Amino acid sequence: MKSNKMRLCVTVVLTCVAGGAALAEEGMWLFSNPPTGPLKAKYGFEPTSDWLDHLQKSCVKFGFGGSASLVSPNGLVMTNHHVGRGQLQRLSTKERDLLADGFLARSFDEELKCPDAEVNVLWTIEDVSDRVKSAAAPGLSPADANKARKKRIAEITKTAEDSTGLNCSVVTLYHGARYHLYSYKRYTDLRLVMAPEGKIAHFGGDTDNFEYPRFCLDMCFFRIYEDGKPLQTEDYLSWSDNGAQEGELIFVAGNPGRTQRQYTVDHLKYQRDVAYPNILNYIWRREVKLINFSARSAENARIAGSTLMGFQNGRKAL
């Protein structure tokens, strides 16, 4: 097995943390463009292409964007409890509430198949910037240029999917400065292995979870199956028996939110005055409806719980 000391991860971006105070270094980096020089100069560490490829293929992205990691050669996936919450909700019934009571499969046969799950592993990255940009001929209006680029992106995506059989997507980076073709291995057979009971997984409830993170068992385990059998993979993150040490260089690989560093002042004003108020108003209306629905019975509260939490987190994030 390729050696590594990575912690929980997913795809697309690397963040570096170092030092006794666990302060994050500046910036996030693509797997395809790591800051090799500064890392070697400052920390004596050089991320090789093999190391980056191994890390990239150890990462898992849930269909809706949640982060996870392969942590065994048999397809075991570790993620946060809230990432798996939707599947726990779907697998629950009035008689068996997995969100409240938790779950543990003691054998492969006891693992519960998720009804509509999809997970992806980023397999390859290709820079297609020139191909996309060349679609917009000089002199086109901004609207027509955008339409031409979208058409070219659709062509690139279809050609890649037809030739590889992978799940492909052209990602816009740096507000259109670069375009990368991401090709994913898609898995649709995901099974629940373990989830703790809700009160320890989400200790203290939702009120202050952004402002005051708690110590809790915020995790759950799934397993990827392929052709009806647990996925066999050479790429996964091994456990560290000793955990992180003082001053150790740590990388977090994941699928985080985008930055707004290149937004113009006008764009920020639009977000402040138009976009965010409209989104927050919509979220507020959904929260009110879900809270009222949940108040009618314990079963209603169980049915709406996962959706309500998602809207509450969305509001607080904005």
Protein backbone atom coordinates (compact mmCIF):
# COMPACT_ATOMS: atom_id res chain seq x y z
CA MET A 1 0.00 0.00 0.00
CA LYS A 2 1.21 3.49 -0.77
CA SER A 3 2.07 5.28 2.46
CA ASN A 4 0.34 8.49 3.52
CA LYS A 5 -0.74 10.36 6.61
CA MET A 6 -3.86 11.98 5.25
CA ARG A 7 -6.96 12.65 7.26
CA LEU A 8 -10.57 12.87 6.08
CA CYS A 9 -10.90 14.03 2.46
CA VAL A 10 -12.75 14.13 -0.88
CA THR A 11 -11.86 15.67 -4.26
CA VAL A 12 -10.59 18.71 -6.07
CA VAL A 13 -8.83 20.97 -3.53
CA LEU A 14 -5.95 20.72 -1.04
CA THR A 15 -5.64 22.89 2.08
CA CYS A 16 -2.47 22.85 4.18
CA VAL A 17 -2.38 23.05 8.00
CA ALA A 18 0.81 23.20 10.05
CA GLY A 19 2.18 24.28 13.41
CA GLY A 20 1.31 23.76 17.06
CA ALA A 21 -1.58 26.24 16.91
CA ALA A 22 -3.06 24.40 13.90
CA LEU A 23 -3.21 27.55 11.82
CA ALA A 24 -4.12 27.07 8.16
CA GLU A 25 -1.70 28.22 5.50
CA GLU A 26 -2.95 30.67 2.92
CA GLY A 27 -4.88 29.30 -0.03
CA MET A 28 -6.42 26.21 -1.53
CA TRP A 29 -4.83 24.30 -4.38
CA LEU A 30 -5.95 22.02 -7.16
CA PHE A 31 -4.65 18.47 -7.28
CA SER A 32 -3.36 19.33 -10.74
CA ASN A 33 -1.52 22.47 -9.59
CA PRO A 34 -0.07 22.09 -6.06
CA PRO A 35 2.39 24.66 -4.64
CA THR A 36 5.31 22.25 -4.94
CA GLY A 37 8.07 24.85 -4.66
CA PRO A 38 6.83 26.63 -1.51
CA LEU A 39 5.99 23.33 0.19
CA LYS A 40 9.49 21.98 -0.43
CA ALA A 41 11.18 25.22 0.59
CA LYS A 42 9.19 25.78 3.78
CA TYR A 43 8.43 22.25 4.98
CA GLY A 44 10.85 20.00 3.13
CA PHE A 45 7.93 18.12 1.60
CA GLU A 46 7.46 17.54 -2.11
CA PRO A 47 4.08 16.15 -3.25
CA THR A 48 4.91 13.75 -6.07
CA SER A 49 2.51 12.98 -8.90
CA ASP A 50 2.04 9.43 -7.54
CA TRP A 51 1.23 10.77 -4.07
CA LEU A 52 -1.29 13.27 -5.45
CA ASP A 53 -2.91 10.64 -7.67
CA HIS A 54 -3.21 8.28 -4.71
CA LEU A 55 -4.79 10.96 -2.55
CA GLN A 56 -7.15 12.04 -5.32
CA LYS A 57 -8.37 8.46 -5.83
CA SER A 58 -8.79 7.94 -2.09
CA CYS A 59 -11.34 10.73 -2.04
CA VAL A 60 -15.07 10.27 -2.48
CA LYS A 61 -17.68 12.81 -3.44
CA PHE A 62 -21.30 12.14 -2.57
CA GLY A 63 -23.74 12.92 -5.37
CA PHE A 64 -24.90 16.16 -3.73
CA GLY A 65 -21.35 17.31 -2.99
CA GLY A 66 -20.56 15.93 0.47
CA SER A 67 -17.00 14.94 1.31
CA ALA A 68 -15.84 11.45 2.25
CA SER A 69 -12.79 9.16 2.19
CA LEU A 70 -12.05 5.59 1.26
CA VAL A 71 -10.50 4.09 4.40
CA SER A 72 -10.07 0.40 3.60
CA PRO A 73 -9.22 -1.84 0.62
CA ASN A 74 -12.80 -3.17 0.75
CA GLY A 75 -14.62 0.01 -0.20
CA LEU A 76 -15.28 1.33 3.31
CA VAL A 77 -16.15 5.04 3.20
CA MET A 78 -15.96 7.44 6.15
CA THR A 79 -17.84 10.72 6.14
CA ASN A 80 -19.55 13.18 8.46
CA HIS A 81 -22.86 12.22 10.01
CA HIS A 82 -24.64 15.15 8.38
CA VAL A 83 -23.37 14.06 4.95
CA GLY A 84 -24.94 10.64 5.41
CA ARG A 85 -28.02 12.04 7.13
CA GLY A 86 -30.17 12.02 4.01
CA GLN A 87 -29.54 8.32 3.42
CA LEU A 88 -30.20 7.55 7.09
CA GLN A 89 -33.51 9.38 6.71
CA ARG A 90 -34.46 7.35 3.63
CA LEU A 91 -33.57 4.07 5.30
CA SER A 92 -35.61 4.88 8.40
CA THR A 93 -39.22 4.00 9.10
CA LYS A 94 -41.68 4.86 11.83
CA GLU A 95 -40.67 1.61 13.55
CA ARG A 96 -36.91 1.97 12.99
CA ASP A 97 -35.48 5.48 13.23
CA LEU A 98 -31.79 5.23 12.28
CA LEU A 99 -31.22 8.95 12.86
CA ALA A 100 -32.35 8.66 16.45
CA ASP A 101 -31.09 5.18 17.34
CA GLY A 102 -28.06 4.67 15.08
CA PHE A 103 -27.05 1.53 13.22
CA LEU A 104 -24.28 -1.06 13.13
CA ALA A 105 -23.83 -3.87 10.59
CA ARG A 106 -21.76 -6.71 12.03
CA SER A 107 -21.28 -8.40 8.66
CA PHE A 108 -21.48 -7.59 4.95
CA ASP A 109 -24.91 -9.24 4.83
CA GLU A 110 -26.30 -6.82 7.43
CA GLU A 111 -25.27 -3.69 5.54
CA LEU A 112 -28.28 -1.70 4.31
CA LYS A 113 -28.47 -0.74 0.64
CA CYS A 114 -29.15 2.95 0.17
CA PRO A 115 -32.14 3.57 -2.09
CA ASP A 116 -30.83 6.41 -4.26
CA ALA A 117 -27.19 7.06 -3.41
CA GLU A 118 -24.47 8.06 -5.84
CA VAL A 119 -20.80 8.56 -5.04
CA ASN A 120 -17.96 9.58 -7.34
CA VAL A 121 -14.18 9.26 -7.30
CA LEU A 122 -12.24 11.83 -9.32
CA TRP A 123 -10.19 9.73 -11.74
CA THR A 124 -8.58 12.15 -14.18
CA ILE A 125 -8.16 15.90 -14.67
CA GLU A 126 -7.54 17.47 -18.10
CA ASP A 127 -7.03 21.14 -18.88
CA VAL A 128 -9.41 22.00 -21.74
CA SER A 129 -9.14 25.79 -21.41
CA ASP A 130 -7.95 26.43 -24.96
CA ARG A 131 -10.66 24.25 -26.47
CA VAL A 132 -13.42 26.04 -24.55
CA LYS A 133 -12.10 29.57 -25.07
CA SER A 134 -11.55 29.08 -28.80
CA ALA A 135 -15.29 28.49 -29.23
CA ALA A 136 -15.96 32.20 -28.66
CA ALA A 137 -14.89 33.92 -31.87
CA PRO A 138 -13.64 37.54 -31.67
CA GLY A 139 -16.42 40.09 -32.00
CA LEU A 140 -19.19 38.01 -30.45
CA SER A 141 -21.39 39.69 -27.89
CA PRO A 142 -20.90 38.52 -24.29
CA ALA A 143 -24.19 36.58 -24.46
CA ASP A 144 -23.29 34.84 -27.74
CA ALA A 145 -19.75 34.11 -26.53
CA ASN A 146 -21.15 32.51 -23.40
CA LYS A 147 -23.56 30.44 -25.50
CA ALA A 148 -20.70 29.28 -27.74
CA ARG A 149 -18.58 28.24 -24.77
CA LYS A 150 -21.48 26.31 -23.25
CA LYS A 151 -22.01 24.48 -26.53
CA ARG A 152 -18.31 23.57 -26.69
CA ILE A 153 -18.38 22.40 -23.06
CA ALA A 154 -21.33 20.11 -23.85
CA GLU A 155 -19.44 18.67 -26.83
CA ILE A 156 -16.28 18.06 -24.79
CA THR A 157 -18.28 16.42 -22.01
CA LYS A 158 -20.19 14.08 -24.33
CA THR A 159 -17.07 13.06 -26.24
CA ALA A 160 -15.25 12.28 -23.00
CA GLU A 161 -18.13 10.24 -21.58
CA ASP A 162 -18.57 8.29 -24.81
CA SER A 163 -14.85 7.45 -25.03
CA THR A 164 -14.19 6.65 -21.36
CA GLY A 165 -17.50 5.52 -19.88
CA LEU A 166 -16.79 7.81 -16.93
CA ASN A 167 -19.02 10.52 -15.47
CA CYS A 168 -17.51 13.71 -16.93
CA SER A 169 -17.92 17.39 -16.19
CA VAL A 170 -16.15 20.55 -17.36
CA VAL A 171 -15.47 22.74 -14.34
CA THR A 172 -15.09 26.51 -14.64
CA LEU A 173 -12.18 27.81 -12.55
CA TYR A 174 -11.12 31.35 -11.64
CA HIS A 175 -14.31 32.83 -13.11
CA GLY A 176 -13.59 31.49 -16.57
CA ALA A 177 -9.80 31.88 -16.66
CA ARG A 178 -9.38 28.10 -16.84
CA TYR A 179 -11.59 25.12 -17.69
CA HIS A 180 -10.81 21.59 -16.50
CA LEU A 181 -12.42 18.33 -17.55
CA TYR A 182 -13.04 16.18 -14.47
CA SER A 183 -13.75 12.51 -15.13
CA TYR A 184 -15.24 10.52 -12.26
CA LYS A 185 -15.81 6.87 -11.54
CA ARG A 186 -19.45 6.71 -10.48
CA TYR A 187 -20.82 4.15 -8.03
CA THR A 188 -24.53 3.75 -7.35
CA ASP A 189 -24.48 0.79 -4.94
CA LEU A 190 -23.76 2.29 -1.52
CA ARG A 191 -24.59 0.50 1.72
CA LEU A 192 -24.80 1.76 5.29
CA VAL A 193 -22.30 0.14 7.65
CA MET A 194 -22.43 2.23 10.83
CA ALA A 195 -23.96 5.43 12.18
CA PRO A 196 -24.05 6.57 15.82
CA GLU A 197 -27.29 7.65 17.46
CA GLY A 198 -28.33 11.18 16.65
CA LYS A 199 -27.83 12.71 20.10
CA ILE A 200 -24.11 11.92 20.13
CA ALA A 201 -23.61 12.51 16.39
CA HIS A 202 -25.24 15.93 16.62
CA PHE A 203 -24.68 16.73 20.28
CA GLY A 204 -26.37 19.92 21.45
CA GLY A 205 -28.62 20.31 18.42
CA ASP A 206 -28.40 22.77 15.58
CA THR A 207 -28.61 26.19 17.24
CA ASP A 208 -24.91 27.03 17.56
CA ASN A 209 -23.21 24.42 15.40
CA PHE A 210 -21.38 26.99 13.22
CA GLU A 211 -20.35 29.34 16.00
CA TYR A 212 -19.47 26.81 18.70
CA PRO A 213 -18.38 23.44 17.26
CA ARG A 214 -18.84 20.67 19.79
CA PHE A 215 -17.01 17.45 20.50
CA CYS A 216 -19.30 14.78 19.12
CA LEU A 217 -19.26 11.56 17.13
CA ASP A 218 -19.90 13.36 13.84
CA MET A 219 -19.30 10.44 11.50
CA CYS A 220 -20.85 7.52 9.69
CA PHE A 221 -19.54 4.69 7.53
CA PHE A 222 -20.80 3.38 4.20
CA ARG A 223 -19.40 0.80 1.81
CA ILE A 224 -19.15 1.03 -1.96
CA TYR A 225 -20.20 -2.09 -3.85
CA GLU A 226 -19.31 -2.92 -7.44
CA ASP A 227 -21.01 -5.78 -9.30
CA GLY A 228 -22.66 -6.83 -6.04
CA LYS A 229 -19.39 -7.14 -4.11
CA PRO A 230 -17.44 -4.75 -1.85
CA LEU A 231 -15.23 -2.50 -3.96
CA GLN A 232 -11.61 -3.65 -4.10
CA THR A 233 -9.22 -0.71 -4.26
CA GLU A 234 -5.52 -0.02 -3.76
CA ASP A 235 -6.16 3.66 -3.08
CA TYR A 236 -7.46 4.49 0.38
CA LEU A 237 -6.36 6.46 3.43
CA SER A 238 -4.80 4.40 6.19
CA TRP A 239 -5.40 5.11 9.86
CA SER A 240 -2.75 6.74 12.03
CA ASP A 241 -2.55 4.96 15.38
CA ASN A 242 -1.01 8.02 17.05
CA GLY A 243 -3.06 10.80 15.44
CA ALA A 244 -1.68 14.20 14.55
CA GLN A 245 1.45 15.30 16.37
CA GLU A 246 2.62 18.74 17.43
CA GLY A 247 3.99 20.63 14.42
CA GLU A 248 3.15 17.84 11.93
CA LEU A 249 2.36 18.90 8.38
CA ILE A 250 -1.28 18.02 7.64
CA PHE A 251 -3.19 18.25 4.37
CA VAL A 252 -6.95 18.33 4.10
CA ALA A 253 -8.27 17.24 0.72
CA GLY A 254 -11.88 17.93 0.00
CA ASN A 255 -14.70 19.34 -2.02
CA PRO A 256 -15.11 22.74 -0.32
CA GLY A 257 -17.13 25.83 -1.19
CA ARG A 258 -15.76 28.23 -3.74
CA THR A 259 -14.01 31.47 -2.85
CA GLN A 260 -15.13 34.97 -3.86
CA ARG A 261 -11.70 36.53 -4.11
CA GLN A 262 -12.10 37.67 -7.71
CA TYR A 263 -15.60 39.11 -7.35
CA THR A 264 -15.94 42.73 -8.38
CA VAL A 265 -17.45 45.34 -6.08
CA ASP A 266 -20.58 45.41 -8.25
CA HIS A 267 -20.87 41.63 -7.95
CA LEU A 268 -20.60 41.83 -4.16
CA LYS A 269 -23.25 44.57 -4.08
CA TYR A 270 -25.54 42.37 -6.16
CA GLN A 271 -25.01 39.48 -3.75
CA ARG A 272 -25.73 41.73 -0.77
CA ASP A 273 -28.74 43.59 -2.15
CA VAL A 274 -30.43 41.08 -4.46
CA ALA A 275 -29.22 37.47 -4.41
CA TYR A 276 -28.77 36.80 -0.69
CA PRO A 277 -31.99 38.53 0.47
CA ASN A 278 -34.01 36.52 -2.06
CA ILE A 279 -32.34 33.24 -1.10
CA LEU A 280 -32.71 33.92 2.62
CA ASN A 281 -36.38 34.81 2.19
CA TYR A 282 -36.96 31.51 0.39
CA ILE A 283 -35.09 29.57 3.10
CA TRP A 284 -37.04 31.35 5.84
CA ARG A 285 -40.37 30.36 4.27
CA ARG A 286 -39.26 26.72 3.98
CA GLU A 287 -38.05 26.71 7.59
CA VAL A 288 -41.39 28.01 8.85
CA LYS A 289 -43.32 25.39 6.90
CA LEU A 290 -41.07 22.55 8.06
CA ILE A 291 -41.16 23.67 11.70
CA ASN A 292 -44.96 23.86 11.64
CA PHE A 293 -45.18 20.45 9.93
CA SER A 294 -42.79 18.93 12.48
CA ALA A 295 -44.76 20.29 15.43
CA ARG A 296 -47.83 18.23 14.52
CA SER A 297 -46.40 14.85 15.54
CA ALA A 298 -43.24 12.94 16.36
CA GLU A 299 -43.51 11.10 13.03
CA ASN A 300 -43.74 14.40 11.14
CA ALA A 301 -40.65 15.61 13.00
CA ARG A 302 -38.79 12.45 11.94
CA ILE A 303 -39.83 12.84 8.32
CA ALA A 304 -38.85 16.51 8.10
CA GLY A 305 -35.78 16.46 10.36
CA SER A 306 -33.05 16.03 7.77
CA THR A 307 -34.55 18.58 5.35
CA LEU A 308 -35.06 21.13 8.11
CA MET A 309 -31.46 20.80 9.25
CA GLY A 310 -30.27 21.40 5.69
CA PHE A 311 -32.22 24.64 5.39
CA GLN A 312 -31.07 25.82 8.81
CA ASN A 313 -27.43 25.21 7.89
CA GLY A 314 -27.94 26.94 4.56
CA ARG A 315 -29.36 30.02 6.27
CA LYS A 316 -26.52 30.20 8.77
CA ALA A 317 -23.90 29.75 6.05
CA LEU A 318 -25.27 32.80 4.23
